[in-house]
PDB file of all heavy atoms in Angstrom:
ATOM      1  N   ALA A   1       2.859 -13.302  17.793  1.00  0.00           N
ATOM      2  CA  ALA A   1       3.995 -13.245  16.869  1.00  0.00           C
ATOM      3  C   ALA A   1       3.522 -13.180  15.419  1.00  0.00           C
ATOM      4  O   ALA A   1       4.025 -12.380  14.617  1.00  0.00           O
ATOM      5  CB  ALA A   1       4.901 -14.465  17.078  1.00  0.00           C
ATOM      6  N   VAL A   2       2.543 -14.017  15.083  1.00  0.00           N
ATOM      7  CA  VAL A   2       2.040 -14.032  13.710  1.00  0.00           C
ATOM      8  C   VAL A   2       1.299 -12.740  13.380  1.00  0.00           C
ATOM      9  O   VAL A   2       1.498 -12.132  12.327  1.00  0.00           O
ATOM     10  CB  VAL A   2       1.118 -15.254  13.494  1.00  0.00           C
ATOM     11  CG1 VAL A   2       0.498 -15.217  12.101  1.00  0.00           C
ATOM     12  CG2 VAL A   2       1.896 -16.547  13.684  1.00  0.00           C
ATOM     13  N   VAL A   3       0.435 -12.304  14.304  1.00  0.00           N
ATOM     14  CA  VAL A   3      -0.355 -11.094  14.064  1.00  0.00           C
ATOM     15  C   VAL A   3       0.553  -9.862  14.000  1.00  0.00           C
ATOM     16  O   VAL A   3       0.308  -8.948  13.207  1.00  0.00           O
ATOM     17  CB  VAL A   3      -1.420 -10.926  15.164  1.00  0.00           C
ATOM     18  CG1 VAL A   3      -2.058  -9.548  15.095  1.00  0.00           C
ATOM     19  CG2 VAL A   3      -2.497 -11.992  15.009  1.00  0.00           C
ATOM     20  N   GLY A   4       1.600  -9.834  14.826  1.00  0.00           N
ATOM     21  CA  GLY A   4       2.506  -8.700  14.799  1.00  0.00           C
ATOM     22  C   GLY A   4       3.114  -8.489  13.419  1.00  0.00           C
ATOM     23  O   GLY A   4       3.125  -7.365  12.894  1.00  0.00           O
ATOM     24  N   VAL A   5       3.594  -9.562  12.824  1.00  0.00           N
ATOM     25  CA  VAL A   5       4.151  -9.467  11.468  1.00  0.00           C
ATOM     26  C   VAL A   5       3.057  -9.114  10.468  1.00  0.00           C
ATOM     27  O   VAL A   5       3.237  -8.260   9.591  1.00  0.00           O
ATOM     28  CB  VAL A   5       4.825 -10.793  11.076  1.00  0.00           C
ATOM     29  CG1 VAL A   5       5.314 -10.739   9.636  1.00  0.00           C
ATOM     30  CG2 VAL A   5       5.998 -11.089  12.015  1.00  0.00           C
ATOM     31  N   GLY A   6       1.898  -9.760  10.617  1.00  0.00           N
ATOM     32  CA  GLY A   6       0.806  -9.516   9.681  1.00  0.00           C
ATOM     33  C   GLY A   6       0.288  -8.093   9.726  1.00  0.00           C
ATOM     34  O   GLY A   6      -0.002  -7.494   8.691  1.00  0.00           O
ATOM     35  N   VAL A   7       0.168  -7.519  10.941  1.00  0.00           N
ATOM     36  CA  VAL A   7      -0.347  -6.157  11.072  1.00  0.00           C
ATOM     37  C   VAL A   7       0.616  -5.153  10.440  1.00  0.00           C
ATOM     38  O   VAL A   7       0.193  -4.194   9.791  1.00  0.00           O
ATOM     39  CB  VAL A   7      -0.587  -5.826  12.557  1.00  0.00           C
ATOM     40  CG1 VAL A   7      -0.792  -4.328  12.751  1.00  0.00           C
ATOM     41  CG2 VAL A   7      -1.804  -6.582  13.066  1.00  0.00           C
ATOM     42  N   VAL A   8       1.929  -5.385  10.614  1.00  0.00           N
ATOM     43  CA  VAL A   8       2.909  -4.481  10.006  1.00  0.00           C
ATOM     44  C   VAL A   8       2.790  -4.505   8.486  1.00  0.00           C
ATOM     45  O   VAL A   8       2.741  -3.458   7.821  1.00  0.00           O
ATOM     46  CB  VAL A   8       4.335  -4.870  10.443  1.00  0.00           C
ATOM     47  CG1 VAL A   8       5.368  -4.092   9.637  1.00  0.00           C
ATOM     48  CG2 VAL A   8       4.530  -4.606  11.922  1.00  0.00           C
ATOM     49  N   VAL A   9       2.702  -5.707   7.922  1.00  0.00           N
ATOM     50  CA  VAL A   9       2.585  -5.822   6.465  1.00  0.00           C
ATOM     51  C   VAL A   9       1.256  -5.254   5.983  1.00  0.00           C
ATOM     52  O   VAL A   9       1.189  -4.522   4.989  1.00  0.00           O
ATOM     53  CB  VAL A   9       2.732  -7.297   6.030  1.00  0.00           C
ATOM     54  CG1 VAL A   9       2.522  -7.443   4.532  1.00  0.00           C
ATOM     55  CG2 VAL A   9       4.099  -7.838   6.429  1.00  0.00           C
ATOM     56  N   SER A  10       0.170  -5.570   6.696  1.00  0.00           N
ATOM     57  CA  SER A  10      -1.154  -5.076   6.302  1.00  0.00           C
ATOM     58  C   SER A  10      -1.223  -3.554   6.378  1.00  0.00           C
ATOM     59  O   SER A  10      -1.770  -2.903   5.488  1.00  0.00           O
ATOM     60  CB  SER A  10      -2.226  -5.697   7.198  1.00  0.00           C
ATOM     61  OG  SER A  10      -3.497  -5.168   6.909  1.00  0.00           O
ATOM     62  N   THR A  11      -0.664  -2.980   7.446  1.00  0.00           N
ATOM     63  CA  THR A  11      -0.671  -1.526   7.575  1.00  0.00           C
ATOM     64  C   THR A  11       0.158  -0.868   6.476  1.00  0.00           C
ATOM     65  O   THR A  11      -0.216   0.176   5.940  1.00  0.00           O
ATOM     66  CB  THR A  11      -0.122  -1.121   8.953  1.00  0.00           C
ATOM     67  OG1 THR A  11      -0.916  -1.743   9.974  1.00  0.00           O
ATOM     68  CG2 THR A  11      -0.171   0.388   9.136  1.00  0.00           C
ATOM     69  N   ALA A  12       1.290  -1.501   6.128  1.00  0.00           N
ATOM     70  CA  ALA A  12       2.113  -0.969   5.037  1.00  0.00           C
ATOM     71  C   ALA A  12       1.359  -1.003   3.716  1.00  0.00           C
ATOM     72  O   ALA A  12       1.414  -0.047   2.924  1.00  0.00           O
ATOM     73  CB  ALA A  12       3.405  -1.773   4.931  1.00  0.00           C
ATOM     74  N   LEU A  13       0.628  -2.079   3.473  1.00  0.00           N
ATOM     75  CA  LEU A  13      -0.160  -2.164   2.239  1.00  0.00           C
ATOM     76  C   LEU A  13      -1.271  -1.129   2.228  1.00  0.00           C
ATOM     77  O   LEU A  13      -1.556  -0.504   1.199  1.00  0.00           O
ATOM     78  CB  LEU A  13      -0.747  -3.573   2.096  1.00  0.00           C
ATOM     79  CG  LEU A  13       0.239  -4.691   1.774  1.00  0.00           C
ATOM     80  CD1 LEU A  13      -0.436  -6.057   1.837  1.00  0.00           C
ATOM     81  CD2 LEU A  13       0.854  -4.480   0.389  1.00  0.00           C
ATOM     82  N   THR A  14      -1.910  -0.932   3.390  1.00  0.00           N
ATOM     83  CA  THR A  14      -2.960   0.076   3.463  1.00  0.00           C
ATOM     84  C   THR A  14      -2.400   1.476   3.261  1.00  0.00           C
ATOM     85  O   THR A  14      -3.005   2.306   2.565  1.00  0.00           O
ATOM     86  CB  THR A  14      -3.670  -0.004   4.834  1.00  0.00           C
ATOM     87  OG1 THR A  14      -4.215  -1.319   5.000  1.00  0.00           O
ATOM     88  CG2 THR A  14      -4.792   1.008   4.932  1.00  0.00           C
ATOM     89  N   ALA A  15      -1.247   1.753   3.862  1.00  0.00           N
ATOM     90  CA  ALA A  15      -0.621   3.061   3.681  1.00  0.00           C
ATOM     91  C   ALA A  15      -0.209   3.276   2.232  1.00  0.00           C
ATOM     92  O   ALA A  15      -0.234   4.401   1.721  1.00  0.00           O
ATOM     93  CB  ALA A  15       0.591   3.188   4.605  1.00  0.00           C
ATOM     94  N   LEU A  16       0.176   2.203   1.549  1.00  0.00           N
ATOM     95  CA  LEU A  16       0.591   2.312   0.155  1.00  0.00           C
ATOM     96  C   LEU A  16      -0.543   2.817  -0.722  1.00  0.00           C
ATOM     97  O   LEU A  16      -0.323   3.516  -1.709  1.00  0.00           O
ATOM     98  CB  LEU A  16       1.086   0.952  -0.346  1.00  0.00           C
ATOM     99  CG  LEU A  16       1.658   0.897  -1.770  1.00  0.00           C
ATOM    100  CD1 LEU A  16       2.858   1.833  -1.889  1.00  0.00           C
ATOM    101  CD2 LEU A  16       2.058  -0.530  -2.116  1.00  0.00           C
ATOM    102  N   THR A  17      -1.776   2.478  -0.355  1.00  0.00           N
ATOM    103  CA  THR A  17      -2.917   2.929  -1.153  1.00  0.00           C
ATOM    104  C   THR A  17      -3.096   4.443  -1.081  1.00  0.00           C
ATOM    105  O   THR A  17      -3.648   5.046  -1.994  1.00  0.00           O
ATOM    106  CB  THR A  17      -4.218   2.255  -0.675  1.00  0.00           C
ATOM    107  OG1 THR A  17      -4.481   2.638   0.673  1.00  0.00           O
ATOM    108  CG2 THR A  17      -4.099   0.744  -0.754  1.00  0.00           C
ATOM    109  N   THR A  18      -2.637   5.064   0.007  1.00  0.00           N
ATOM    110  CA  THR A  18      -2.808   6.509   0.158  1.00  0.00           C
ATOM    111  C   THR A  18      -1.784   7.307  -0.642  1.00  0.00           C
ATOM    112  O   THR A  18      -1.986   8.490  -0.890  1.00  0.00           O
ATOM    113  CB  THR A  18      -2.704   6.912   1.641  1.00  0.00           C
ATOM    114  OG1 THR A  18      -1.398   6.598   2.126  1.00  0.00           O
ATOM    115  CG2 THR A  18      -3.727   6.167   2.471  1.00  0.00           C
ATOM    116  N   VAL A  19      -0.659   6.680  -1.037  1.00  0.00           N
ATOM    117  CA  VAL A  19       0.378   7.380  -1.798  1.00  0.00           C
ATOM    118  C   VAL A  19       0.496   6.829  -3.207  1.00  0.00           C
ATOM    119  O   VAL A  19       1.389   7.213  -3.947  1.00  0.00           O
ATOM    120  CB  VAL A  19       1.740   7.271  -1.081  1.00  0.00           C
ATOM    121  CG1 VAL A  19       1.666   7.918   0.284  1.00  0.00           C
ATOM    122  CG2 VAL A  19       2.185   5.819  -0.951  1.00  0.00           C
ATOM    123  N   ALA A  20      -0.430   5.964  -3.577  1.00  0.00           N
ATOM    124  CA  ALA A  20      -0.324   5.321  -4.887  1.00  0.00           C
ATOM    125  C   ALA A  20      -0.431   6.326  -6.025  1.00  0.00           C
ATOM    126  O   ALA A  20       0.200   6.168  -7.075  1.00  0.00           O
ATOM    127  CB  ALA A  20      -1.406   4.245  -5.027  1.00  0.00           C
ATOM    128  N   ASP A  21      -1.225   7.378  -5.854  1.00  0.00           N
ATOM    129  CA  ASP A  21      -1.415   8.351  -6.928  1.00  0.00           C
ATOM    130  C   ASP A  21      -0.157   9.163  -7.213  1.00  0.00           C
ATOM    131  O   ASP A  21      -0.058   9.796  -8.269  1.00  0.00           O
ATOM    132  CB  ASP A  21      -2.553   9.311  -6.571  1.00  0.00           C
ATOM    133  CG  ASP A  21      -3.902   8.606  -6.593  1.00  0.00           C
ATOM    134  OD1 ASP A  21      -4.037   7.626  -7.349  1.00  0.00           O
ATOM    135  OD2 ASP A  21      -4.809   9.037  -5.842  1.00  0.00           O
ATOM    136  N   ARG A  22       0.773   9.138  -6.283  1.00  0.00           N
ATOM    137  CA  ARG A  22       2.013   9.896  -6.482  1.00  0.00           C
ATOM    138  C   ARG A  22       3.060   9.097  -7.238  1.00  0.00           C
ATOM    139  O   ARG A  22       4.125   9.608  -7.553  1.00  0.00           O
ATOM    140  CB  ARG A  22       2.596  10.319  -5.133  1.00  0.00           C
ATOM    141  CG  ARG A  22       1.613  11.104  -4.261  1.00  0.00           C
ATOM    142  CD  ARG A  22       2.234  11.413  -2.908  1.00  0.00           C
ATOM    143  NE  ARG A  22       1.267  11.998  -2.004  1.00  0.00           N
ATOM    144  CZ  ARG A  22       1.524  12.282  -0.725  1.00  0.00           C
ATOM    145  NH1 ARG A  22       2.723  12.038  -0.227  1.00  0.00           N
ATOM    146  NH2 ARG A  22       0.576  12.809   0.033  1.00  0.00           N
ATOM    147  N   VAL A  23       2.788   7.832  -7.497  1.00  0.00           N
ATOM    148  CA  VAL A  23       3.767   6.948  -8.125  1.00  0.00           C
ATOM    149  C   VAL A  23       3.446   6.826  -9.606  1.00  0.00           C
ATOM    150  O   VAL A  23       2.402   6.291  -9.984  1.00  0.00           O
ATOM    151  CB  VAL A  23       3.749   5.551  -7.482  1.00  0.00           C
ATOM    152  CG1 VAL A  23       4.785   4.655  -8.141  1.00  0.00           C
ATOM    153  CG2 VAL A  23       4.016   5.663  -5.993  1.00  0.00           C
ATOM    154  N   GLY A  24       4.331   7.344 -10.451  1.00  0.00           N
ATOM    155  CA  GLY A  24       4.156   7.189 -11.879  1.00  0.00           C
ATOM    156  C   GLY A  24       2.913   7.891 -12.397  1.00  0.00           C
ATOM    157  O   GLY A  24       2.473   8.923 -11.898  1.00  0.00           O
ATOM    158  N   THR A  25       2.338   7.325 -13.452  1.00  0.00           N
ATOM    159  CA  THR A  25       1.139   7.881 -14.056  1.00  0.00           C
ATOM    160  C   THR A  25      -0.079   7.556 -13.212  1.00  0.00           C
ATOM    161  O   THR A  25      -0.021   6.764 -12.279  1.00  0.00           O
ATOM    162  CB  THR A  25       0.956   7.316 -15.475  1.00  0.00           C
ATOM    163  OG1 THR A  25       0.744   5.902 -15.373  1.00  0.00           O
ATOM    164  CG2 THR A  25       2.188   7.588 -16.329  1.00  0.00           C
ATOM    165  N   SER A  26      -1.205   8.170 -13.563  1.00  0.00           N
ATOM    166  CA  SER A  26      -2.431   7.930 -12.812  1.00  0.00           C
ATOM    167  C   SER A  26      -2.879   6.477 -12.955  1.00  0.00           C
ATOM    168  O   SER A  26      -3.425   5.899 -12.017  1.00  0.00           O
ATOM    169  CB  SER A  26      -3.532   8.872 -13.301  1.00  0.00           C
ATOM    170  OG  SER A  26      -3.772   8.683 -14.686  1.00  0.00           O
ATOM    171  N   GLU A  27      -2.653   5.884 -14.152  1.00  0.00           N
ATOM    172  CA  GLU A  27      -3.032   4.485 -14.348  1.00  0.00           C
ATOM    173  C   GLU A  27      -2.212   3.569 -13.465  1.00  0.00           C
ATOM    174  O   GLU A  27      -2.740   2.633 -12.843  1.00  0.00           O
ATOM    175  CB  GLU A  27      -2.871   4.079 -15.815  1.00  0.00           C
ATOM    176  CG  GLU A  27      -3.853   4.738 -16.772  1.00  0.00           C
ATOM    177  CD  GLU A  27      -3.438   6.154 -17.127  1.00  0.00           C
ATOM    178  OE1 GLU A  27      -2.327   6.568 -16.722  1.00  0.00           O
ATOM    179  OE2 GLU A  27      -4.233   6.853 -17.798  1.00  0.00           O
ATOM    180  N   VAL A  28      -0.904   3.842 -13.382  1.00  0.00           N
ATOM    181  CA  VAL A  28      -0.035   3.026 -12.532  1.00  0.00           C
ATOM    182  C   VAL A  28      -0.431   3.192 -11.067  1.00  0.00           C
ATOM    183  O   VAL A  28      -0.491   2.229 -10.296  1.00  0.00           O
ATOM    184  CB  VAL A  28       1.443   3.411 -12.736  1.00  0.00           C
ATOM    185  CG1 VAL A  28       2.335   2.681 -11.731  1.00  0.00           C
ATOM    186  CG2 VAL A  28       1.875   3.090 -14.160  1.00  0.00           C
ATOM    187  N   GLY A  29      -0.721   4.440 -10.663  1.00  0.00           N
ATOM    188  CA  GLY A  29      -1.120   4.681  -9.283  1.00  0.00           C
ATOM    189  C   GLY A  29      -2.404   3.971  -8.928  1.00  0.00           C
ATOM    190  O   GLY A  29      -2.524   3.391  -7.846  1.00  0.00           O
ATOM    191  N   ALA A  30      -3.391   4.008  -9.852  1.00  0.00           N
ATOM    192  CA  ALA A  30      -4.660   3.328  -9.586  1.00  0.00           C
ATOM    193  C   ALA A  30      -4.468   1.820  -9.484  1.00  0.00           C
ATOM    194  O   ALA A  30      -5.032   1.166  -8.599  1.00  0.00           O
ATOM    195  CB  ALA A  30      -5.662   3.661 -10.693  1.00  0.00           C
ATOM    196  N   SER A  31      -3.656   1.252 -10.379  1.00  0.00           N
ATOM    197  CA  SER A  31      -3.399  -0.192 -10.343  1.00  0.00           C
ATOM    198  C   SER A  31      -2.682  -0.585  -9.058  1.00  0.00           C
ATOM    199  O   SER A  31      -2.998  -1.601  -8.436  1.00  0.00           O
ATOM    200  CB  SER A  31      -2.560  -0.609 -11.558  1.00  0.00           C
ATOM    201  OG  SER A  31      -3.232  -0.304 -12.763  1.00  0.00           O
ATOM    202  N   LEU A  32      -1.724   0.249  -8.659  1.00  0.00           N
ATOM    203  CA  LEU A  32      -0.990  -0.036  -7.427  1.00  0.00           C
ATOM    204  C   LEU A  32      -1.907   0.048  -6.215  1.00  0.00           C
ATOM    205  O   LEU A  32      -1.818  -0.768  -5.289  1.00  0.00           O
ATOM    206  CB  LEU A  32       0.161   0.955  -7.274  1.00  0.00           C
ATOM    207  CG  LEU A  32       1.114   0.748  -6.087  1.00  0.00           C
ATOM    208  CD1 LEU A  32       1.779  -0.611  -6.166  1.00  0.00           C
ATOM    209  CD2 LEU A  32       2.153   1.856  -6.044  1.00  0.00           C
ATOM    210  N   ARG A  33      -2.822   1.015  -6.219  1.00  0.00           N
ATOM    211  CA  ARG A  33      -3.751   1.170  -5.102  1.00  0.00           C
ATOM    212  C   ARG A  33      -4.683  -0.031  -4.987  1.00  0.00           C
ATOM    213  O   ARG A  33      -4.925  -0.547  -3.897  1.00  0.00           O
ATOM    214  CB  ARG A  33      -4.560   2.454  -5.271  1.00  0.00           C
ATOM    215  CG  ARG A  33      -5.472   2.761  -4.085  1.00  0.00           C
ATOM    216  CD  ARG A  33      -6.066   4.149  -4.172  1.00  0.00           C
ATOM    217  NE  ARG A  33      -6.894   4.318  -5.351  1.00  0.00           N
ATOM    218  CZ  ARG A  33      -6.544   5.064  -6.398  1.00  0.00           C
ATOM    219  NH1 ARG A  33      -5.374   5.687  -6.410  1.00  0.00           N
ATOM    220  NH2 ARG A  33      -7.342   5.181  -7.434  1.00  0.00           N
TER     221      ARG A  33
END
């Protein structure tokens, strides 16, 4: 139960790093990544 929630959140955070450059300016994208 704990890992299931954690893996979903962790995978979402990891996926966020792949689209960070598309969000705002390059500086904002790098900081978000």
